[in-house]
Amino acid sequence: MSTVVIHVPATSANLGPGFDSLGLALGLHDEVEATLTGEPGVRVTVEGEGAGELDLGEGHLVVKAMRKAFDRMGMAQPAGIRLHCRNRIPHARGLGSSSAAICAGLLAARALAGEGELSDDEVFALATEMEGHPDNVAPCLAGGLTVAWTEHSGAPRMVKLIPDARIRPVVIVPATRLATETARGLLPKDVPHKDASFNAGRTALLIAALLQMPDRELLLAATEDRLHQEYRAPAMPRSADLVERLRAVGVPAVVSGAGPTVLAFSTPDSQDLIAPEVGNDWHIQQMDVDPVGANVQFPETR
């Protein structure tokens, strides 16, 4: 038997104006222990998020990603796969749980292959193909702050940046869930030119603020958005209301990914402003930015 352990971080995409392009890796991780066995079949066990809900066989997303990677490497599928998943990333909350599962499966298959190989670019391309867009898989794989885009050829690309050490993301997670497909379905096909121009400027400003000038007032301006959050608000009215209330008291807050989690950028002069605006049925957690991204270990090296 061969075993590998993969740690993959939660991620927050969009960050306000950077729709489908910006992503941030967070210090909250799922752990997947994958073993190739000689016994035919797939066995999956799950601890934490998704326990009792997720498919425990071929339908599990990590298994699907592993199969995809073995196929792409031109390898025969293994006789048996055993997975143990320790999930900490909330599901269907806008924190990249599906991206984490996809990246974990692809990296596990590559590490266990023994023959054939996938380059980092090929892993990124496969992950983007499975997820549908690169903004969550990029920071999951690379860590830090990422800018992702798609070439005319269809190939995804990314640039990794390291945010200022003073940046402290705060995730505010509701009990309710929201499917990404539902949130994306609310977006219009076209947006006004002035709104696109507005977001382009705010995205550039946000990168500058996160990398060099994490000032609260600057972050507040830099996280303004006109492309997606207002359109998606009917699907998550409480999240939209919380973002509005936090911003009204000077906290740079956005919807994380497709929601409904809210992401706030905590600065020394704004930490005490967040909790009073959040009800008891939300879970608040301050996190570090994960600078490394997905991590692969073999048990004997742990």
C-alpha atoms as a PDB file:
ATOM      1  CA  MET A   1       0.000   0.000   0.000  1.00  0.00           C
ATOM      2  CA  SER A   2       1.067   3.607  -0.670  1.00  0.00           C
ATOM      3  CA  THR A   3      -0.223   6.503   1.441  1.00  0.00           C
ATOM      4  CA  VAL A   4      -0.005  10.279   1.134  1.00  0.00           C
ATOM      5  CA  VAL A   5      -1.437  13.077   3.282  1.00  0.00           C
ATOM      6  CA  ILE A   6      -2.611  16.326   1.663  1.00  0.00           C
ATOM      7  CA  HIS A   7      -3.387  19.553   3.525  1.00  0.00           C
ATOM      8  CA  VAL A   8      -5.434  22.076   1.546  1.00  0.00           C
ATOM      9  CA  PRO A   9      -6.483  25.558   2.720  1.00  0.00           C
ATOM     10  CA  ALA A  10      -9.828  27.295   2.683  1.00  0.00           C
ATOM     11  CA  THR A  11      -9.968  30.179   0.255  1.00  0.00           C
ATOM     12  CA  SER A  12     -11.930  33.366  -0.217  1.00  0.00           C
ATOM     13  CA  ALA A  13     -12.496  34.494  -3.793  1.00  0.00           C
ATOM     14  CA  ASN A  14     -13.472  37.849  -5.330  1.00  0.00           C
ATOM     15  CA  LEU A  15     -12.595  39.889  -2.197  1.00  0.00           C
ATOM     16  CA  GLY A  16     -15.160  42.447  -3.308  1.00  0.00           C
ATOM     17  CA  PRO A  17     -14.229  43.925  -6.683  1.00  0.00           C
ATOM     18  CA  GLY A  18     -11.945  41.150  -7.996  1.00  0.00           C
ATOM     19  CA  PHE A  19     -14.746  39.029  -9.437  1.00  0.00           C
ATOM     20  CA  ASP A  20     -13.491  35.660 -10.731  1.00  0.00           C
ATOM     21  CA  SER A  21      -9.878  36.864 -10.512  1.00  0.00           C
ATOM     22  CA  LEU A  22      -8.702  37.473  -6.920  1.00  0.00           C
ATOM     23  CA  GLY A  23      -8.360  34.800  -4.262  1.00  0.00           C
ATOM     24  CA  LEU A  24      -6.871  34.538  -0.786  1.00  0.00           C
ATOM     25  CA  ALA A  25      -5.659  31.374   0.990  1.00  0.00           C
ATOM     26  CA  LEU A  26      -6.777  31.152   4.617  1.00  0.00           C
ATOM     27  CA  GLY A  27      -5.333  29.408   7.656  1.00  0.00           C
ATOM     28  CA  LEU A  28      -8.065  26.760   7.853  1.00  0.00           C
ATOM     29  CA  HIS A  29      -7.309  23.369   6.339  1.00  0.00           C
ATOM     30  CA  ASP A  30      -8.846  20.090   5.276  1.00  0.00           C
ATOM     31  CA  GLU A  31      -6.641  17.016   5.573  1.00  0.00           C
ATOM     32  CA  VAL A  32      -6.983  14.081   3.185  1.00  0.00           C
ATOM     33  CA  GLU A  33      -5.164  10.803   3.765  1.00  0.00           C
ATOM     34  CA  ALA A  34      -5.192   8.783   0.542  1.00  0.00           C
ATOM     35  CA  THR A  35      -4.057   5.172   0.216  1.00  0.00           C
ATOM     36  CA  LEU A  36      -3.845   2.931  -2.828  1.00  0.00           C
ATOM     37  CA  THR A  37      -4.730  -0.618  -1.802  1.00  0.00           C
ATOM     38  CA  GLY A  38      -4.758  -4.003  -3.467  1.00  0.00           C
ATOM     39  CA  GLU A  39      -8.372  -4.523  -2.469  1.00  0.00           C
ATOM     40  CA  PRO A  40     -10.842  -3.576  -5.223  1.00  0.00           C
ATOM     41  CA  GLY A  41     -13.249  -0.726  -4.545  1.00  0.00           C
ATOM     42  CA  VAL A  42     -13.370   2.685  -2.896  1.00  0.00           C
ATOM     43  CA  ARG A  43     -13.747   3.321   0.828  1.00  0.00           C
ATOM     44  CA  VAL A  44     -14.133   6.847   2.172  1.00  0.00           C
ATOM     45  CA  THR A  45     -14.476   7.993   5.755  1.00  0.00           C
ATOM     46  CA  VAL A  46     -15.229  11.591   6.720  1.00  0.00           C
ATOM     47  CA  GLU A  47     -14.684  13.482   9.966  1.00  0.00           C
ATOM     48  CA  GLY A  48     -16.027  16.974  10.578  1.00  0.00           C
ATOM     49  CA  GLU A  49     -17.749  18.953   7.828  1.00  0.00           C
ATOM     50  CA  GLY A  50     -19.848  16.782   5.551  1.00  0.00           C
ATOM     51  CA  ALA A  51     -19.840  13.731   7.841  1.00  0.00           C
ATOM     52  CA  GLY A  52     -23.034  11.786   7.249  1.00  0.00           C
ATOM     53  CA  GLU A  53     -23.778  13.798   4.104  1.00  0.00           C
ATOM     54  CA  LEU A  54     -21.041  13.184   1.541  1.00  0.00           C
ATOM     55  CA  ASP A  55     -20.852  10.262  -0.885  1.00  0.00           C
ATOM     56  CA  LEU A  56     -18.503   7.616   0.496  1.00  0.00           C
ATOM     57  CA  GLY A  57     -17.704   5.995  -2.816  1.00  0.00           C
ATOM     58  CA  GLU A  58     -17.008   6.925  -6.432  1.00  0.00           C
ATOM     59  CA  GLY A  59     -19.160  10.047  -6.124  1.00  0.00           C
ATOM     60  CA  HIS A  60     -16.848  11.666  -3.579  1.00  0.00           C
ATOM     61  CA  LEU A  61     -15.185  14.728  -5.134  1.00  0.00           C
ATOM     62  CA  VAL A  62     -11.671  13.763  -3.998  1.00  0.00           C
ATOM     63  CA  VAL A  63     -12.092  10.363  -5.664  1.00  0.00           C
ATOM     64  CA  LYS A  64     -13.352  11.985  -8.875  1.00  0.00           C
ATOM     65  CA  ALA A  65     -10.312  14.265  -8.921  1.00  0.00           C
ATOM     66  CA  MET A  66      -7.954  11.345  -8.358  1.00  0.00           C
ATOM     67  CA  ARG A  67      -9.563   9.434 -11.226  1.00  0.00           C
ATOM     68  CA  LYS A  68      -9.230  12.490 -13.452  1.00  0.00           C
ATOM     69  CA  ALA A  69      -5.537  12.812 -12.664  1.00  0.00           C
ATOM     70  CA  PHE A  70      -4.784   9.130 -13.273  1.00  0.00           C
ATOM     71  CA  ASP A  71      -6.553   9.382 -16.626  1.00  0.00           C
ATOM     72  CA  ARG A  72      -4.645  12.506 -17.608  1.00  0.00           C
ATOM     73  CA  MET A  73      -1.351  10.822 -16.742  1.00  0.00           C
ATOM     74  CA  GLY A  74      -2.308   7.908 -18.980  1.00  0.00           C
ATOM     75  CA  MET A  75      -2.239   5.446 -16.096  1.00  0.00           C
ATOM     76  CA  ALA A  76      -4.431   2.481 -15.298  1.00  0.00           C
ATOM     77  CA  GLN A  77      -6.851   3.195 -12.483  1.00  0.00           C
ATOM     78  CA  PRO A  78      -5.730   1.667  -9.165  1.00  0.00           C
ATOM     79  CA  ALA A  79      -7.462  -1.440  -7.900  1.00  0.00           C
ATOM     80  CA  GLY A  80      -8.537   0.199  -4.692  1.00  0.00           C
ATOM     81  CA  ILE A  81      -8.614   3.641  -3.063  1.00  0.00           C
ATOM     82  CA  ARG A  82      -9.031   4.367   0.622  1.00  0.00           C
ATOM     83  CA  LEU A  83      -9.593   7.932   1.834  1.00  0.00           C
ATOM     84  CA  HIS A  84      -9.838   9.433   5.274  1.00  0.00           C
ATOM     85  CA  CYS A  85     -10.982  13.062   5.166  1.00  0.00           C
ATOM     86  CA  ARG A  86     -10.694  15.401   8.133  1.00  0.00           C
ATOM     87  CA  ASN A  87     -12.796  18.335   6.974  1.00  0.00           C
ATOM     88  CA  ARG A  88     -12.679  21.723   8.657  1.00  0.00           C
ATOM     89  CA  ILE A  89     -13.711  23.977   5.774  1.00  0.00           C
ATOM     90  CA  PRO A  90     -17.473  24.708   5.916  1.00  0.00           C
ATOM     91  CA  HIS A  91     -19.385  23.390   2.909  1.00  0.00           C
ATOM     92  CA  ALA A  92     -21.443  25.609   0.582  1.00  0.00           C
ATOM     93  CA  ARG A  93     -20.426  28.740   2.472  1.00  0.00           C
ATOM     94  CA  GLY A  94     -18.127  30.500  -0.013  1.00  0.00           C
ATOM     95  CA  LEU A  95     -14.843  29.269   1.483  1.00  0.00           C
ATOM     96  CA  GLY A  96     -13.653  27.022  -1.333  1.00  0.00           C
ATOM     97  CA  SER A  97     -14.515  23.573   0.041  1.00  0.00           C
ATOM     98  CA  SER A  98     -15.009  22.079  -3.428  1.00  0.00           C
ATOM     99  CA  SER A  99     -11.757  23.605  -4.693  1.00  0.00           C
ATOM    100  CA  ALA A 100      -9.970  22.136  -1.689  1.00  0.00           C
ATOM    101  CA  ALA A 101     -11.360  18.663  -2.411  1.00  0.00           C
ATOM    102  CA  ILE A 102     -10.432  18.879  -6.097  1.00  0.00           C
ATOM    103  CA  CYS A 103      -6.901  20.066  -5.392  1.00  0.00           C
ATOM    104  CA  ALA A 104      -6.443  17.390  -2.711  1.00  0.00           C
ATOM    105  CA  GLY A 105      -7.491  14.641  -5.103  1.00  0.00           C
ATOM    106  CA  LEU A 106      -5.280  15.807  -7.957  1.00  0.00           C
ATOM    107  CA  LEU A 107      -2.235  16.227  -5.743  1.00  0.00           C
ATOM    108  CA  ALA A 108      -2.820  12.884  -4.021  1.00  0.00           C
ATOM    109  CA  ALA A 109      -2.973  11.067  -7.365  1.00  0.00           C
ATOM    110  CA  ARG A 110       0.179  12.802  -8.604  1.00  0.00           C
ATOM    111  CA  ALA A 111       2.060  11.948  -5.428  1.00  0.00           C
ATOM    112  CA  LEU A 112       0.935   8.314  -5.507  1.00  0.00           C
ATOM    113  CA  ALA A 113       1.391   7.761  -9.229  1.00  0.00           C
ATOM    114  CA  GLY A 114       4.852   6.244  -9.147  1.00  0.00           C
ATOM    115  CA  GLU A 115       4.942   6.676 -12.905  1.00  0.00           C
ATOM    116  CA  GLY A 116       3.747   9.415 -15.202  1.00  0.00           C
ATOM    117  CA  GLU A 117       3.570  12.944 -13.935  1.00  0.00           C
ATOM    118  CA  LEU A 118       1.616  16.177 -13.971  1.00  0.00           C
ATOM    119  CA  SER A 119       3.318  19.561 -13.897  1.00  0.00           C
ATOM    120  CA  ASP A 120       2.076  22.271 -11.554  1.00  0.00           C
ATOM    121  CA  ASP A 121       0.527  24.045 -14.548  1.00  0.00           C
ATOM    122  CA  GLU A 122      -1.292  20.862 -15.547  1.00  0.00           C
ATOM    123  CA  VAL A 123      -2.614  20.372 -12.008  1.00  0.00           C
ATOM    124  CA  PHE A 124      -3.856  23.977 -12.034  1.00  0.00           C
ATOM    125  CA  ALA A 125      -5.493  23.472 -15.430  1.00  0.00           C
ATOM    126  CA  LEU A 126      -7.195  20.248 -14.336  1.00  0.00           C
ATOM    127  CA  ALA A 127      -8.416  21.840 -11.097  1.00  0.00           C
ATOM    128  CA  THR A 128      -9.805  24.809 -13.023  1.00  0.00           C
ATOM    129  CA  GLU A 129     -11.503  22.470 -15.501  1.00  0.00           C
ATOM    130  CA  MET A 130     -13.228  20.620 -12.677  1.00  0.00           C
ATOM    131  CA  GLU A 131     -14.128  23.711 -10.638  1.00  0.00           C
ATOM    132  CA  GLY A 132     -15.168  25.810 -13.629  1.00  0.00           C
ATOM    133  CA  HIS A 133     -13.117  28.914 -12.775  1.00  0.00           C
ATOM    134  CA  PRO A 134      -9.625  29.487 -11.359  1.00  0.00           C
ATOM    135  CA  ASP A 135     -10.132  32.036  -8.572  1.00  0.00           C
ATOM    136  CA  ASN A 136     -10.433  29.503  -5.712  1.00  0.00           C
ATOM    137  CA  VAL A 137      -8.134  26.757  -6.963  1.00  0.00           C
ATOM    138  CA  ALA A 138      -5.270  29.230  -7.544  1.00  0.00           C
ATOM    139  CA  PRO A 139      -4.824  30.280  -3.879  1.00  0.00           C
ATOM    140  CA  CYS A 140      -5.574  26.744  -2.706  1.00  0.00           C
ATOM    141  CA  LEU A 141      -2.621  25.431  -4.705  1.00  0.00           C
ATOM    142  CA  ALA A 142      -0.227  28.366  -4.337  1.00  0.00           C
ATOM    143  CA  GLY A 143      -1.163  30.099  -1.080  1.00  0.00           C
ATOM    144  CA  GLY A 144      -1.091  33.819  -0.413  1.00  0.00           C
ATOM    145  CA  LEU A 145      -3.020  36.257  -2.584  1.00  0.00           C
ATOM    146  CA  THR A 146      -3.466  35.189  -6.193  1.00  0.00           C
ATOM    147  CA  VAL A 147      -4.522  36.921  -9.373  1.00  0.00           C
ATOM    148  CA  ALA A 148      -5.918  34.388 -11.842  1.00  0.00           C
ATOM    149  CA  TRP A 149      -6.943  34.766 -15.460  1.00  0.00           C
ATOM    150  CA  THR A 150      -7.576  32.682 -18.571  1.00  0.00           C
ATOM    151  CA  GLU A 151      -5.516  32.978 -21.734  1.00  0.00           C
ATOM    152  CA  HIS A 152      -7.164  33.204 -25.165  1.00  0.00           C
ATOM    153  CA  SER A 153      -6.158  29.568 -25.599  1.00  0.00           C
ATOM    154  CA  GLY A 154      -8.303  28.680 -22.595  1.00  0.00           C
ATOM    155  CA  ALA A 155      -5.339  27.915 -20.340  1.00  0.00           C
ATOM    156  CA  PRO A 156      -5.619  29.312 -16.791  1.00  0.00           C
ATOM    157  CA  ARG A 157      -2.766  31.370 -15.402  1.00  0.00           C
ATOM    158  CA  MET A 158      -2.007  32.858 -11.999  1.00  0.00           C
ATOM    159  CA  VAL A 159       0.362  35.192 -10.177  1.00  0.00           C
ATOM    160  CA  LYS A 160       1.027  34.697  -6.466  1.00  0.00           C
ATOM    161  CA  LEU A 161       1.507  37.715  -4.202  1.00  0.00           C
ATOM    162  CA  ILE A 162       2.245  37.915  -0.479  1.00  0.00           C
ATOM    163  CA  PRO A 163      -0.056  40.285   1.447  1.00  0.00           C
ATOM    164  CA  ASP A 164       1.233  42.626   4.109  1.00  0.00           C
ATOM    165  CA  ALA A 165       1.704  40.748   7.386  1.00  0.00           C
ATOM    166  CA  ARG A 166      -0.739  43.127   9.090  1.00  0.00           C
ATOM    167  CA  ILE A 167      -3.649  41.785   7.003  1.00  0.00           C
ATOM    168  CA  ARG A 168      -5.863  39.666   9.266  1.00  0.00           C
ATOM    169  CA  PRO A 169      -8.932  38.189   7.578  1.00  0.00           C
ATOM    170  CA  VAL A 170     -11.987  37.531   9.727  1.00  0.00           C
ATOM    171  CA  VAL A 171     -14.531  35.028   8.424  1.00  0.00           C
ATOM    172  CA  ILE A 172     -18.115  35.296   9.641  1.00  0.00           C
ATOM    173  CA  VAL A 173     -19.912  32.064   8.785  1.00  0.00           C
ATOM    174  CA  PRO A 174     -23.703  31.667   8.943  1.00  0.00           C
ATOM    175  CA  ALA A 175     -25.531  28.435   9.655  1.00  0.00           C
ATOM    176  CA  THR A 176     -27.237  28.558   6.265  1.00  0.00           C
ATOM    177  CA  ARG A 177     -25.714  27.314   3.008  1.00  0.00           C
ATOM    178  CA  LEU A 178     -25.833  28.578  -0.550  1.00  0.00           C
ATOM    179  CA  ALA A 179     -24.920  26.667  -3.685  1.00  0.00           C
ATOM    180  CA  THR A 180     -22.457  28.465  -5.952  1.00  0.00           C
ATOM    181  CA  GLU A 181     -24.653  27.638  -8.955  1.00  0.00           C
ATOM    182  CA  THR A 182     -27.594  29.439  -7.321  1.00  0.00           C
ATOM    183  CA  ALA A 183     -25.564  32.563  -6.615  1.00  0.00           C
ATOM    184  CA  ARG A 184     -23.978  32.585 -10.075  1.00  0.00           C
ATOM    185  CA  GLY A 185     -27.387  32.169 -11.691  1.00  0.00           C
ATOM    186  CA  LEU A 186     -28.452  35.573 -10.366  1.00  0.00           C
ATOM    187  CA  LEU A 187     -25.766  37.465 -12.268  1.00  0.00           C
ATOM    188  CA  PRO A 188     -26.819  39.424 -15.366  1.00  0.00           C
ATOM    189  CA  LYS A 189     -25.274  38.639 -18.745  1.00  0.00           C
ATOM    190  CA  ASP A 190     -24.194  42.263 -19.209  1.00  0.00           C
ATOM    191  CA  VAL A 191     -23.189  45.063 -16.843  1.00  0.00           C
ATOM    192  CA  PRO A 192     -22.895  48.829 -17.427  1.00  0.00           C
ATOM    193  CA  HIS A 193     -19.511  50.035 -18.685  1.00  0.00           C
ATOM    194  CA  LYS A 194     -19.244  52.444 -15.750  1.00  0.00           C
ATOM    195  CA  ASP A 195     -19.599  49.551 -13.287  1.00  0.00           C
ATOM    196  CA  ALA A 196     -16.895  47.528 -15.038  1.00  0.00           C
ATOM    197  CA  SER A 197     -14.614  50.569 -14.973  1.00  0.00           C
ATOM    198  CA  PHE A 198     -15.414  51.143 -11.296  1.00  0.00           C
ATOM    199  CA  ASN A 199     -14.438  47.579 -10.371  1.00  0.00           C
ATOM    200  CA  ALA A 200     -11.257  47.665 -12.429  1.00  0.00           C
ATOM    201  CA  GLY A 201     -10.065  50.668 -10.448  1.00  0.00           C
ATOM    202  CA  ARG A 202     -11.094  49.196  -7.116  1.00  0.00           C
ATOM    203  CA  THR A 203      -9.348  45.894  -7.896  1.00  0.00           C
ATOM    204  CA  ALA A 204      -6.080  47.677  -8.634  1.00  0.00           C
ATOM    205  CA  LEU A 205      -6.465  49.694  -5.440  1.00  0.00           C
ATOM    206  CA  LEU A 206      -7.202  46.543  -3.416  1.00  0.00           C
ATOM    207  CA  ILE A 207      -3.998  44.842  -4.559  1.00  0.00           C
ATOM    208  CA  ALA A 208      -2.018  47.923  -3.540  1.00  0.00           C
ATOM    209  CA  ALA A 209      -3.773  48.062  -0.164  1.00  0.00           C
ATOM    210  CA  LEU A 210      -3.298  44.364   0.606  1.00  0.00           C
ATOM    211  CA  LEU A 211       0.365  44.360  -0.376  1.00  0.00           C
ATOM    212  CA  GLN A 212       1.628  47.686   0.920  1.00  0.00           C
ATOM    213  CA  MET A 213      -0.965  49.888   2.607  1.00  0.00           C
ATOM    214  CA  PRO A 214      -3.426  47.959   4.802  1.00  0.00           C
ATOM    215  CA  ASP A 215      -5.083  51.157   6.015  1.00  0.00           C
ATOM    216  CA  ARG A 216      -8.719  50.753   7.067  1.00  0.00           C
ATOM    217  CA  GLU A 217     -10.023  53.681   5.058  1.00  0.00           C
ATOM    218  CA  LEU A 218      -8.107  52.586   1.989  1.00  0.00           C
ATOM    219  CA  LEU A 219      -9.338  48.983   2.342  1.00  0.00           C
ATOM    220  CA  LEU A 220     -12.883  50.246   2.791  1.00  0.00           C
ATOM    221  CA  ALA A 221     -12.730  52.052  -0.550  1.00  0.00           C
ATOM    222  CA  ALA A 222     -10.803  49.230  -2.230  1.00  0.00           C
ATOM    223  CA  THR A 223     -13.388  46.550  -1.365  1.00  0.00           C
ATOM    224  CA  GLU A 224     -16.325  48.323  -3.014  1.00  0.00           C
ATOM    225  CA  ASP A 225     -18.037  46.267  -5.719  1.00  0.00           C
ATOM    226  CA  ARG A 226     -20.669  46.812  -8.411  1.00  0.00           C
ATOM    227  CA  LEU A 227     -20.414  43.577 -10.399  1.00  0.00           C
ATOM    228  CA  HIS A 228     -21.806  40.747  -8.298  1.00  0.00           C
ATOM    229  CA  GLN A 229     -22.699  41.319  -4.640  1.00  0.00           C
ATOM    230  CA  GLU A 230     -25.793  43.456  -5.196  1.00  0.00           C
ATOM    231  CA  TYR A 231     -27.180  41.010  -7.770  1.00  0.00           C
ATOM    232  CA  ARG A 232     -26.656  38.062  -5.433  1.00  0.00           C
ATOM    233  CA  ALA A 233     -28.097  39.779  -2.345  1.00  0.00           C
ATOM    234  CA  PRO A 234     -31.633  38.321  -2.743  1.00  0.00           C
ATOM    235  CA  ALA A 235     -30.180  34.817  -2.260  1.00  0.00           C
ATOM    236  CA  MET A 236     -28.453  35.813   1.005  1.00  0.00           C
ATOM    237  CA  PRO A 237     -30.231  38.847   2.501  1.00  0.00           C
ATOM    238  CA  ARG A 238     -28.727  38.431   5.963  1.00  0.00           C
ATOM    239  CA  SER A 239     -25.187  38.317   4.565  1.00  0.00           C
ATOM    240  CA  ALA A 240     -25.843  41.365   2.403  1.00  0.00           C
ATOM    241  CA  ASP A 241     -27.269  43.198   5.411  1.00  0.00           C
ATOM    242  CA  LEU A 242     -24.265  42.290   7.572  1.00  0.00           C
ATOM    243  CA  VAL A 243     -21.830  43.507   4.916  1.00  0.00           C
ATOM    244  CA  GLU A 244     -23.731  46.795   4.737  1.00  0.00           C
ATOM    245  CA  ARG A 245     -23.783  47.230   8.523  1.00  0.00           C
ATOM    246  CA  LEU A 246     -20.091  46.422   8.906  1.00  0.00           C
ATOM    247  CA  ARG A 247     -19.145  48.846   6.155  1.00  0.00           C
ATOM    248  CA  ALA A 248     -21.349  51.519   7.723  1.00  0.00           C
ATOM    249  CA  VAL A 249     -19.204  51.414  10.885  1.00  0.00           C
ATOM    250  CA  GLY A 250     -15.963  51.454   8.880  1.00  0.00           C
ATOM    251  CA  VAL A 251     -15.095  47.756   8.585  1.00  0.00           C
ATOM    252  CA  PRO A 252     -13.899  46.598   5.124  1.00  0.00           C
ATOM    253  CA  ALA A 253     -16.304  43.697   4.561  1.00  0.00           C
ATOM    254  CA  VAL A 254     -17.321  41.668   1.506  1.00  0.00           C
ATOM    255  CA  VAL A 255     -19.148  38.492   0.624  1.00  0.00           C
ATOM    256  CA  SER A 256     -16.665  35.603   0.534  1.00  0.00           C
ATOM    257  CA  GLY A 257     -16.779  33.922  -2.856  1.00  0.00           C
ATOM    258  CA  ALA A 258     -20.375  33.176  -3.795  1.00  0.00           C
ATOM    259  CA  GLY A 259     -21.411  33.517  -0.134  1.00  0.00           C
ATOM    260  CA  PRO A 260     -23.049  33.402   2.263  1.00  0.00           C
ATOM    261  CA  THR A 261     -19.938  33.773   4.464  1.00  0.00           C
ATOM    262  CA  VAL A 262     -18.822  37.353   5.063  1.00  0.00           C
ATOM    263  CA  LEU A 263     -15.121  38.226   4.990  1.00  0.00           C
ATOM    264  CA  ALA A 264     -13.816  41.272   6.862  1.00  0.00           C
ATOM    265  CA  PHE A 265     -10.321  42.690   6.887  1.00  0.00           C
ATOM    266  CA  SER A 266      -9.442  43.373  10.496  1.00  0.00           C
ATOM    267  CA  THR A 267      -7.091  46.221  11.329  1.00  0.00           C
ATOM    268  CA  PRO A 268      -6.030  47.271  14.853  1.00  0.00           C
ATOM    269  CA  ASP A 269      -8.564  50.101  14.877  1.00  0.00           C
ATOM    270  CA  SER A 270     -11.473  47.994  13.581  1.00  0.00           C
ATOM    271  CA  GLN A 271     -11.296  44.778  15.627  1.00  0.00           C
ATOM    272  CA  ASP A 272     -13.756  45.978  18.258  1.00  0.00           C
ATOM    273  CA  LEU A 273     -16.251  47.095  15.616  1.00  0.00           C
ATOM    274  CA  ILE A 274     -17.001  43.660  14.179  1.00  0.00           C
ATOM    275  CA  ALA A 275     -18.540  41.593  17.002  1.00  0.00           C
ATOM    276  CA  PRO A 276     -21.329  44.087  17.926  1.00  0.00           C
ATOM    277  CA  GLU A 277     -22.712  43.863  14.387  1.00  0.00           C
ATOM    278  CA  VAL A 278     -22.789  40.044  14.298  1.00  0.00           C
ATOM    279  CA  GLY A 279     -25.600  37.956  15.786  1.00  0.00           C
ATOM    280  CA  ASN A 280     -25.210  34.857  17.904  1.00  0.00           C
ATOM    281  CA  ASP A 281     -26.017  32.464  15.067  1.00  0.00           C
ATOM    282  CA  TRP A 282     -22.863  33.379  13.140  1.00  0.00           C
ATOM    283  CA  HIS A 283     -19.450  31.865  13.767  1.00  0.00           C
ATOM    284  CA  ILE A 284     -16.644  34.443  13.852  1.00  0.00           C
ATOM    285  CA  GLN A 285     -13.049  33.348  13.355  1.00  0.00           C
ATOM    286  CA  GLN A 286      -9.948  35.435  12.749  1.00  0.00           C
ATOM    287  CA  MET A 287      -7.416  33.712  10.524  1.00  0.00           C
ATOM    288  CA  ASP A 288      -3.947  34.122   9.170  1.00  0.00           C
ATOM    289  CA  VAL A 289      -3.276  34.179   5.463  1.00  0.00           C
ATOM    290  CA  ASP A 290      -1.816  30.825   4.427  1.00  0.00           C
ATOM    291  CA  PRO A 291       1.398  31.731   2.547  1.00  0.00           C
ATOM    292  CA  VAL A 292       2.125  28.213   1.267  1.00  0.00           C
ATOM    293  CA  GLY A 293      -1.071  26.625  -0.029  1.00  0.00           C
ATOM    294  CA  ALA A 294      -1.556  22.890  -0.544  1.00  0.00           C
ATOM    295  CA  ASN A 295       0.982  20.711   1.209  1.00  0.00           C
ATOM    296  CA  VAL A 296       1.888  17.108   0.372  1.00  0.00           C
ATOM    297  CA  GLN A 297       3.415  14.763   2.946  1.00  0.00           C
ATOM    298  CA  PHE A 298       4.174  11.075   3.098  1.00  0.00           C
ATOM    299  CA  PRO A 299       3.448   9.583   6.551  1.00  0.00           C
ATOM    300  CA  GLU A 300       7.061   8.621   7.194  1.00  0.00           C
ATOM    301  CA  THR A 301       8.099  12.285   6.794  1.00  0.00           C
ATOM    302  CA  ARG A 302       5.393  13.801   9.008  1.00  0.00           C
END
